[in-house]
Amino acid sequence: MRRWLAALGVWTLLVWATRIDNVLAQDDLTGAGRAARLALALSFTVGGVALLTVAWRARGRTVCRAEALVVDVVCWWTIVVWAVRGVQIALGDHDAAFIVVHVLLGIVSIALAAMTLRSTTMPLRHGTTGNRRAEDDITT
């Protein structure tokens, strides 16, 4: 569980901190355009820090409901944004290398988010831990 949280947290910070640097270096952006891009990148940066915080706090235990909510929000935000942006980038007027790099970033991000959801919040939501089924807890 913690491995996926940490992996997605670190990956998110690496990808989006780089994006912040790129936005700040772009001289052709207007104030509103720069602000929107920075807001998106900062939302992911905060999300990455939140995931690493949950991973640290959940050492040796499952995540609590509040932590699971944080994980859900960050993971679904990652999945939705990358799915939308991936299509926009693929259909946009970009070089092939730019498209390939960003589609790969999106695929890795979505895969990490899905695995993080599966390992972290699914057991909590379904009343199970590990690979046990909830029905196994009922004794006759």
N, C-alpha and C. Protein backbone atom coordinates (compact mmCIF):
# COMPACT_ATOMS: atom_id res chain seq x y z
N MET A 1 0.82 -1.19 0.00
CA MET A 1 0.00 0.00 0.00
C MET A 1 0.87 1.26 0.00
N ARG A 2 1.78 1.36 0.95
CA ARG A 2 2.62 2.56 1.06
C ARG A 2 3.50 2.74 -0.17
N ARG A 3 3.90 1.65 -0.79
CA ARG A 3 4.74 1.76 -1.98
C ARG A 3 4.03 2.52 -3.09
N TRP A 4 2.75 2.19 -3.31
CA TRP A 4 1.99 2.86 -4.37
C TRP A 4 1.74 4.32 -4.02
N LEU A 5 1.41 4.59 -2.77
CA LEU A 5 1.22 5.98 -2.33
C LEU A 5 2.49 6.79 -2.56
N ALA A 6 3.61 6.24 -2.12
CA ALA A 6 4.88 6.93 -2.26
C ALA A 6 5.27 7.08 -3.73
N ALA A 7 5.06 6.02 -4.52
CA ALA A 7 5.42 6.09 -5.94
C ALA A 7 4.62 7.16 -6.66
N LEU A 8 3.30 7.19 -6.43
CA LEU A 8 2.48 8.21 -7.08
C LEU A 8 2.84 9.61 -6.56
N GLY A 9 3.09 9.72 -5.27
CA GLY A 9 3.46 11.02 -4.70
C GLY A 9 4.75 11.56 -5.30
N VAL A 10 5.77 10.73 -5.36
CA VAL A 10 7.06 11.16 -5.91
C VAL A 10 6.93 11.46 -7.41
N TRP A 11 6.27 10.57 -8.13
CA TRP A 11 6.07 10.76 -9.58
C TRP A 11 5.34 12.08 -9.85
N THR A 12 4.28 12.32 -9.09
CA THR A 12 3.50 13.54 -9.27
C THR A 12 4.35 14.78 -9.01
N LEU A 13 5.13 14.75 -7.95
CA LEU A 13 6.00 15.89 -7.65
C LEU A 13 7.03 16.12 -8.75
N LEU A 14 7.62 15.06 -9.25
CA LEU A 14 8.62 15.21 -10.31
C LEU A 14 8.01 15.79 -11.58
N VAL A 15 6.87 15.25 -11.99
CA VAL A 15 6.24 15.70 -13.23
C VAL A 15 5.76 17.15 -13.12
N TRP A 16 5.07 17.45 -12.02
CA TRP A 16 4.42 18.76 -11.94
C TRP A 16 5.34 19.86 -11.42
N ALA A 17 6.36 19.55 -10.66
CA ALA A 17 7.34 20.57 -10.29
C ALA A 17 8.10 21.02 -11.54
N THR A 18 8.36 20.08 -12.43
CA THR A 18 8.98 20.41 -13.71
C THR A 18 8.06 21.32 -14.51
N ARG A 19 6.77 21.04 -14.45
CA ARG A 19 5.80 21.87 -15.18
C ARG A 19 5.78 23.30 -14.63
N ILE A 20 5.88 23.45 -13.32
CA ILE A 20 5.93 24.79 -12.73
C ILE A 20 7.12 25.56 -13.28
N ASP A 21 8.27 24.90 -13.32
CA ASP A 21 9.47 25.53 -13.85
C ASP A 21 9.28 25.93 -15.31
N ASN A 22 8.66 25.06 -16.10
CA ASN A 22 8.41 25.36 -17.52
C ASN A 22 7.47 26.55 -17.69
N VAL A 23 6.42 26.59 -16.88
CA VAL A 23 5.46 27.71 -16.96
C VAL A 23 6.15 29.03 -16.63
N LEU A 24 6.93 29.03 -15.59
CA LEU A 24 7.61 30.27 -15.19
C LEU A 24 8.63 30.73 -16.23
N ALA A 25 9.16 29.79 -16.99
CA ALA A 25 10.16 30.13 -18.01
C ALA A 25 9.54 30.57 -19.33
N GLN A 26 8.25 30.34 -19.52
CA GLN A 26 7.58 30.70 -20.78
C GLN A 26 7.28 32.20 -20.81
N ASP A 27 7.96 32.91 -21.67
CA ASP A 27 7.78 34.36 -21.77
C ASP A 27 6.53 34.75 -22.56
N ASP A 28 6.01 33.83 -23.39
CA ASP A 28 4.88 34.17 -24.25
C ASP A 28 3.52 33.99 -23.57
N LEU A 29 3.48 33.59 -22.32
CA LEU A 29 2.21 33.40 -21.62
C LEU A 29 1.70 34.73 -21.07
N THR A 30 0.38 34.90 -21.16
CA THR A 30 -0.25 36.08 -20.56
C THR A 30 -0.45 35.81 -19.07
N GLY A 31 -0.87 36.83 -18.34
CA GLY A 31 -1.10 36.67 -16.90
C GLY A 31 -2.12 35.59 -16.59
N ALA A 32 -3.25 35.59 -17.30
CA ALA A 32 -4.31 34.60 -17.05
C ALA A 32 -3.85 33.20 -17.47
N GLY A 33 -3.19 33.11 -18.60
CA GLY A 33 -2.71 31.81 -19.07
C GLY A 33 -1.68 31.22 -18.13
N ARG A 34 -0.78 32.07 -17.67
CA ARG A 34 0.24 31.62 -16.72
C ARG A 34 -0.41 31.21 -15.40
N ALA A 35 -1.37 31.99 -14.93
CA ALA A 35 -2.03 31.69 -13.66
C ALA A 35 -2.78 30.36 -13.73
N ALA A 36 -3.47 30.10 -14.83
CA ALA A 36 -4.22 28.85 -14.97
C ALA A 36 -3.28 27.65 -14.99
N ARG A 37 -2.19 27.77 -15.72
CA ARG A 37 -1.23 26.66 -15.80
C ARG A 37 -0.55 26.44 -14.45
N LEU A 38 -0.22 27.52 -13.77
CA LEU A 38 0.39 27.39 -12.45
C LEU A 38 -0.59 26.77 -11.45
N ALA A 39 -1.85 27.16 -11.52
CA ALA A 39 -2.85 26.62 -10.60
C ALA A 39 -2.98 25.10 -10.78
N LEU A 40 -3.01 24.65 -12.02
CA LEU A 40 -3.10 23.21 -12.28
C LEU A 40 -1.87 22.49 -11.73
N ALA A 41 -0.70 23.01 -12.05
CA ALA A 41 0.54 22.39 -11.58
C ALA A 41 0.64 22.41 -10.06
N LEU A 42 0.23 23.50 -9.45
CA LEU A 42 0.26 23.58 -7.98
C LEU A 42 -0.74 22.62 -7.35
N SER A 43 -1.89 22.41 -7.99
CA SER A 43 -2.86 21.46 -7.44
C SER A 43 -2.26 20.06 -7.39
N PHE A 44 -1.51 19.71 -8.41
CA PHE A 44 -0.86 18.40 -8.41
C PHE A 44 0.30 18.34 -7.42
N THR A 45 1.02 19.43 -7.29
CA THR A 45 2.12 19.47 -6.34
C THR A 45 1.61 19.28 -4.92
N VAL A 46 0.54 19.98 -4.59
CA VAL A 46 -0.08 19.80 -3.27
C VAL A 46 -0.57 18.36 -3.12
N GLY A 47 -1.16 17.81 -4.17
CA GLY A 47 -1.61 16.42 -4.13
C GLY A 47 -0.48 15.44 -3.90
N GLY A 48 0.65 15.67 -4.55
CA GLY A 48 1.82 14.80 -4.35
C GLY A 48 2.31 14.84 -2.92
N VAL A 49 2.37 16.04 -2.35
CA VAL A 49 2.78 16.18 -0.95
C VAL A 49 1.77 15.49 -0.04
N ALA A 50 0.49 15.63 -0.34
CA ALA A 50 -0.55 14.99 0.46
C ALA A 50 -0.41 13.46 0.43
N LEU A 51 -0.14 12.90 -0.73
CA LEU A 51 0.05 11.45 -0.83
C LEU A 51 1.25 10.99 -0.02
N LEU A 52 2.35 11.72 -0.10
CA LEU A 52 3.53 11.35 0.68
C LEU A 52 3.26 11.48 2.18
N THR A 53 2.48 12.46 2.56
CA THR A 53 2.11 12.62 3.97
C THR A 53 1.26 11.44 4.44
N VAL A 54 0.28 11.03 3.63
CA VAL A 54 -0.54 9.88 3.98
C VAL A 54 0.32 8.62 4.07
N ALA A 55 1.23 8.44 3.13
CA ALA A 55 2.11 7.28 3.15
C ALA A 55 2.94 7.25 4.44
N TRP A 56 3.45 8.39 4.84
CA TRP A 56 4.25 8.47 6.06
C TRP A 56 3.41 8.18 7.30
N ARG A 57 2.23 8.79 7.36
CA ARG A 57 1.37 8.62 8.53
C ARG A 57 0.80 7.20 8.64
N ALA A 58 0.64 6.53 7.53
CA ALA A 58 0.01 5.21 7.53
C ALA A 58 1.01 4.06 7.66
N ARG A 59 2.17 4.36 8.19
CA ARG A 59 3.17 3.30 8.36
C ARG A 59 2.60 2.22 9.27
N GLY A 60 2.58 1.00 8.77
CA GLY A 60 2.17 -0.15 9.58
C GLY A 60 0.68 -0.26 9.84
N ARG A 61 -0.14 0.50 9.16
CA ARG A 61 -1.60 0.41 9.34
C ARG A 61 -2.27 0.77 8.03
N THR A 62 -3.55 0.46 7.96
CA THR A 62 -4.31 0.90 6.79
C THR A 62 -4.67 2.37 6.96
N VAL A 63 -5.00 3.00 5.88
CA VAL A 63 -5.36 4.41 5.95
C VAL A 63 -6.73 4.58 6.61
N CYS A 64 -6.91 5.68 7.30
CA CYS A 64 -8.22 5.97 7.90
C CYS A 64 -9.11 6.58 6.82
N ARG A 65 -10.36 6.80 7.15
CA ARG A 65 -11.32 7.32 6.16
C ARG A 65 -10.93 8.70 5.62
N ALA A 66 -10.45 9.57 6.48
CA ALA A 66 -10.05 10.91 6.03
C ALA A 66 -8.86 10.81 5.06
N GLU A 67 -7.91 9.95 5.38
CA GLU A 67 -6.76 9.76 4.49
C GLU A 67 -7.21 9.13 3.17
N ALA A 68 -8.14 8.19 3.25
CA ALA A 68 -8.67 7.56 2.03
C ALA A 68 -9.34 8.59 1.13
N LEU A 69 -10.02 9.55 1.73
CA LEU A 69 -10.66 10.61 0.95
C LEU A 69 -9.60 11.44 0.22
N VAL A 70 -8.52 11.76 0.89
CA VAL A 70 -7.42 12.50 0.25
C VAL A 70 -6.87 11.70 -0.92
N VAL A 71 -6.63 10.41 -0.69
CA VAL A 71 -6.09 9.55 -1.74
C VAL A 71 -7.07 9.48 -2.91
N ASP A 72 -8.37 9.30 -2.62
CA ASP A 72 -9.38 9.25 -3.68
C ASP A 72 -9.36 10.52 -4.53
N VAL A 73 -9.36 11.67 -3.87
CA VAL A 73 -9.41 12.95 -4.59
C VAL A 73 -8.18 13.11 -5.48
N VAL A 74 -7.01 12.85 -4.94
CA VAL A 74 -5.78 13.02 -5.72
C VAL A 74 -5.74 12.02 -6.88
N CYS A 75 -6.10 10.78 -6.63
CA CYS A 75 -6.05 9.77 -7.69
C CYS A 75 -7.06 10.07 -8.80
N TRP A 76 -8.29 10.39 -8.43
CA TRP A 76 -9.30 10.68 -9.46
C TRP A 76 -8.97 11.97 -10.20
N TRP A 77 -8.42 12.97 -9.52
CA TRP A 77 -7.98 14.20 -10.18
C TRP A 77 -6.91 13.86 -11.21
N THR A 78 -5.98 13.00 -10.84
CA THR A 78 -4.92 12.57 -11.75
C THR A 78 -5.50 11.87 -12.96
N ILE A 79 -6.40 10.93 -12.74
CA ILE A 79 -6.99 10.16 -13.84
C ILE A 79 -7.77 11.06 -14.79
N VAL A 80 -8.62 11.90 -14.25
CA VAL A 80 -9.46 12.77 -15.09
C VAL A 80 -8.63 13.78 -15.87
N VAL A 81 -7.72 14.47 -15.18
CA VAL A 81 -6.93 15.49 -15.86
C VAL A 81 -6.08 14.88 -16.96
N TRP A 82 -5.41 13.76 -16.66
CA TRP A 82 -4.55 13.17 -17.69
C TRP A 82 -5.35 12.58 -18.84
N ALA A 83 -6.52 12.05 -18.56
CA ALA A 83 -7.36 11.52 -19.65
C ALA A 83 -7.78 12.65 -20.59
N VAL A 84 -8.23 13.76 -20.02
CA VAL A 84 -8.65 14.90 -20.83
C VAL A 84 -7.46 15.53 -21.55
N ARG A 85 -6.40 15.80 -20.81
CA ARG A 85 -5.23 16.45 -21.41
C ARG A 85 -4.54 15.55 -22.43
N GLY A 86 -4.55 14.25 -22.17
CA GLY A 86 -3.94 13.33 -23.13
C GLY A 86 -4.60 13.41 -24.49
N VAL A 87 -5.93 13.46 -24.50
CA VAL A 87 -6.66 13.58 -25.76
C VAL A 87 -6.39 14.94 -26.39
N GLN A 88 -6.43 16.01 -25.59
CA GLN A 88 -6.17 17.35 -26.12
C GLN A 88 -4.77 17.44 -26.72
N ILE A 89 -3.79 16.88 -26.04
CA ILE A 89 -2.41 16.93 -26.55
C ILE A 89 -2.28 16.09 -27.82
N ALA A 90 -2.86 14.89 -27.81
CA ALA A 90 -2.75 14.01 -28.97
C ALA A 90 -3.40 14.62 -30.22
N LEU A 91 -4.49 15.34 -30.02
CA LEU A 91 -5.20 15.94 -31.15
C LEU A 91 -4.73 17.36 -31.47
N GLY A 92 -3.87 17.91 -30.62
CA GLY A 92 -3.40 19.28 -30.81
C GLY A 92 -2.31 19.39 -31.85
N ASP A 93 -1.90 20.61 -32.08
CA ASP A 93 -0.87 20.91 -33.07
C ASP A 93 0.50 20.89 -32.39
N HIS A 94 0.99 19.67 -32.12
CA HIS A 94 2.27 19.49 -31.43
C HIS A 94 3.16 18.56 -32.24
N ASP A 95 4.45 18.64 -31.98
CA ASP A 95 5.39 17.71 -32.59
C ASP A 95 5.11 16.30 -32.09
N ALA A 96 5.49 15.31 -32.89
CA ALA A 96 5.26 13.92 -32.52
C ALA A 96 5.97 13.57 -31.21
N ALA A 97 7.17 14.05 -31.02
CA ALA A 97 7.92 13.74 -29.80
C ALA A 97 7.21 14.30 -28.56
N PHE A 98 6.69 15.50 -28.66
CA PHE A 98 5.94 16.11 -27.56
C PHE A 98 4.72 15.26 -27.22
N ILE A 99 4.00 14.84 -28.25
CA ILE A 99 2.80 14.01 -28.04
C ILE A 99 3.18 12.70 -27.36
N VAL A 100 4.20 12.03 -27.86
CA VAL A 100 4.61 10.73 -27.30
C VAL A 100 5.01 10.89 -25.83
N VAL A 101 5.82 11.87 -25.53
CA VAL A 101 6.28 12.08 -24.15
C VAL A 101 5.09 12.34 -23.23
N HIS A 102 4.19 13.20 -23.63
CA HIS A 102 3.08 13.56 -22.75
C HIS A 102 2.04 12.45 -22.63
N VAL A 103 1.82 11.70 -23.70
CA VAL A 103 0.91 10.55 -23.60
C VAL A 103 1.52 9.50 -22.66
N LEU A 104 2.82 9.29 -22.75
CA LEU A 104 3.47 8.35 -21.83
C LEU A 104 3.42 8.84 -20.38
N LEU A 105 3.62 10.14 -20.17
CA LEU A 105 3.48 10.69 -18.81
C LEU A 105 2.07 10.44 -18.28
N GLY A 106 1.09 10.64 -19.14
CA GLY A 106 -0.29 10.41 -18.75
C GLY A 106 -0.59 8.95 -18.45
N ILE A 107 -0.09 8.06 -19.27
CA ILE A 107 -0.32 6.62 -19.05
C ILE A 107 0.30 6.18 -17.73
N VAL A 108 1.52 6.58 -17.47
CA VAL A 108 2.17 6.22 -16.21
C VAL A 108 1.42 6.82 -15.03
N SER A 109 1.01 8.07 -15.15
CA SER A 109 0.28 8.72 -14.06
C SER A 109 -1.06 8.02 -13.78
N ILE A 110 -1.79 7.70 -14.83
CA ILE A 110 -3.08 7.01 -14.66
C ILE A 110 -2.88 5.62 -14.07
N ALA A 111 -1.87 4.90 -14.55
CA ALA A 111 -1.61 3.56 -14.02
C ALA A 111 -1.23 3.61 -12.54
N LEU A 112 -0.37 4.55 -12.17
CA LEU A 112 0.00 4.68 -10.76
C LEU A 112 -1.20 5.08 -9.90
N ALA A 113 -2.04 5.97 -10.41
CA ALA A 113 -3.24 6.37 -9.66
C ALA A 113 -4.19 5.19 -9.48
N ALA A 114 -4.37 4.41 -10.53
CA ALA A 114 -5.26 3.24 -10.43
C ALA A 114 -4.72 2.22 -9.43
N MET A 115 -3.44 1.96 -9.47
CA MET A 115 -2.85 1.00 -8.54
C MET A 115 -2.90 1.53 -7.10
N THR A 116 -2.73 2.83 -6.95
CA THR A 116 -2.81 3.43 -5.62
C THR A 116 -4.22 3.31 -5.07
N LEU A 117 -5.21 3.60 -5.90
CA LEU A 117 -6.61 3.43 -5.48
C LEU A 117 -6.89 1.98 -5.09
N ARG A 118 -6.45 1.08 -5.93
CA ARG A 118 -6.71 -0.36 -5.71
C ARG A 118 -6.09 -0.84 -4.40
N SER A 119 -4.88 -0.43 -4.14
CA SER A 119 -4.18 -0.95 -2.96
C SER A 119 -4.51 -0.20 -1.68
N THR A 120 -4.96 1.03 -1.80
CA THR A 120 -5.12 1.88 -0.62
C THR A 120 -6.56 2.02 -0.16
N THR A 121 -7.44 2.36 -1.06
CA THR A 121 -8.80 2.68 -0.63
C THR A 121 -9.82 1.58 -0.89
N MET A 122 -9.58 0.70 -1.83
CA MET A 122 -10.52 -0.39 -2.09
C MET A 122 -10.73 -1.28 -0.87
N PRO A 123 -9.67 -1.72 -0.21
CA PRO A 123 -9.88 -2.56 0.98
C PRO A 123 -10.71 -1.85 2.05
N LEU A 124 -10.48 -0.57 2.22
CA LEU A 124 -11.23 0.19 3.22
C LEU A 124 -12.70 0.30 2.82
N ARG A 125 -12.94 0.57 1.56
CA ARG A 125 -14.30 0.73 1.06
C ARG A 125 -15.10 -0.56 1.13
N HIS A 126 -14.44 -1.67 0.91
CA HIS A 126 -15.13 -2.95 0.85
C HIS A 126 -15.02 -3.75 2.15
N GLY A 127 -14.49 -3.13 3.17
CA GLY A 127 -14.42 -3.79 4.47
C GLY A 127 -13.45 -4.94 4.53
N THR A 128 -12.45 -4.93 3.70
CA THR A 128 -11.47 -6.00 3.68
C THR A 128 -10.09 -5.44 3.89
N THR A 129 -9.20 -6.28 4.31
CA THR A 129 -7.79 -5.90 4.37
C THR A 129 -7.01 -6.97 3.64
N GLY A 130 -6.00 -6.55 2.96
CA GLY A 130 -5.20 -7.51 2.20
C GLY A 130 -6.03 -8.16 1.12
N ASN A 131 -5.94 -9.50 1.03
CA ASN A 131 -6.68 -10.24 0.02
C ASN A 131 -7.89 -10.97 0.59
N ARG A 132 -8.21 -10.72 1.85
CA ARG A 132 -9.36 -11.38 2.46
C ARG A 132 -10.65 -10.79 1.93
N ARG A 133 -11.66 -11.60 1.87
CA ARG A 133 -12.98 -11.12 1.46
C ARG A 133 -13.80 -10.84 2.71
N ALA A 134 -14.70 -9.91 2.62
CA ALA A 134 -15.54 -9.55 3.77
C ALA A 134 -16.35 -10.75 4.25
N GLU A 135 -16.75 -11.62 3.34
CA GLU A 135 -17.54 -12.79 3.73
C GLU A 135 -16.77 -13.73 4.64
N ASP A 136 -15.41 -13.70 4.56
CA ASP A 136 -14.60 -14.56 5.39
C ASP A 136 -14.69 -14.16 6.86
N ASP A 137 -15.08 -12.91 7.12
CA ASP A 137 -15.18 -12.43 8.49
C ASP A 137 -16.44 -12.95 9.20
N ILE A 138 -17.39 -13.43 8.44
CA ILE A 138 -18.64 -13.91 9.03
C ILE A 138 -18.47 -15.37 9.44
N THR A 139 -18.73 -15.62 10.68
CA THR A 139 -18.64 -17.00 11.16
C THR A 139 -20.04 -17.56 11.34
N THR A 140 -20.18 -18.85 11.11
CA THR A 140 -21.50 -19.47 11.27
C THR A 140 -21.57 -20.25 12.55
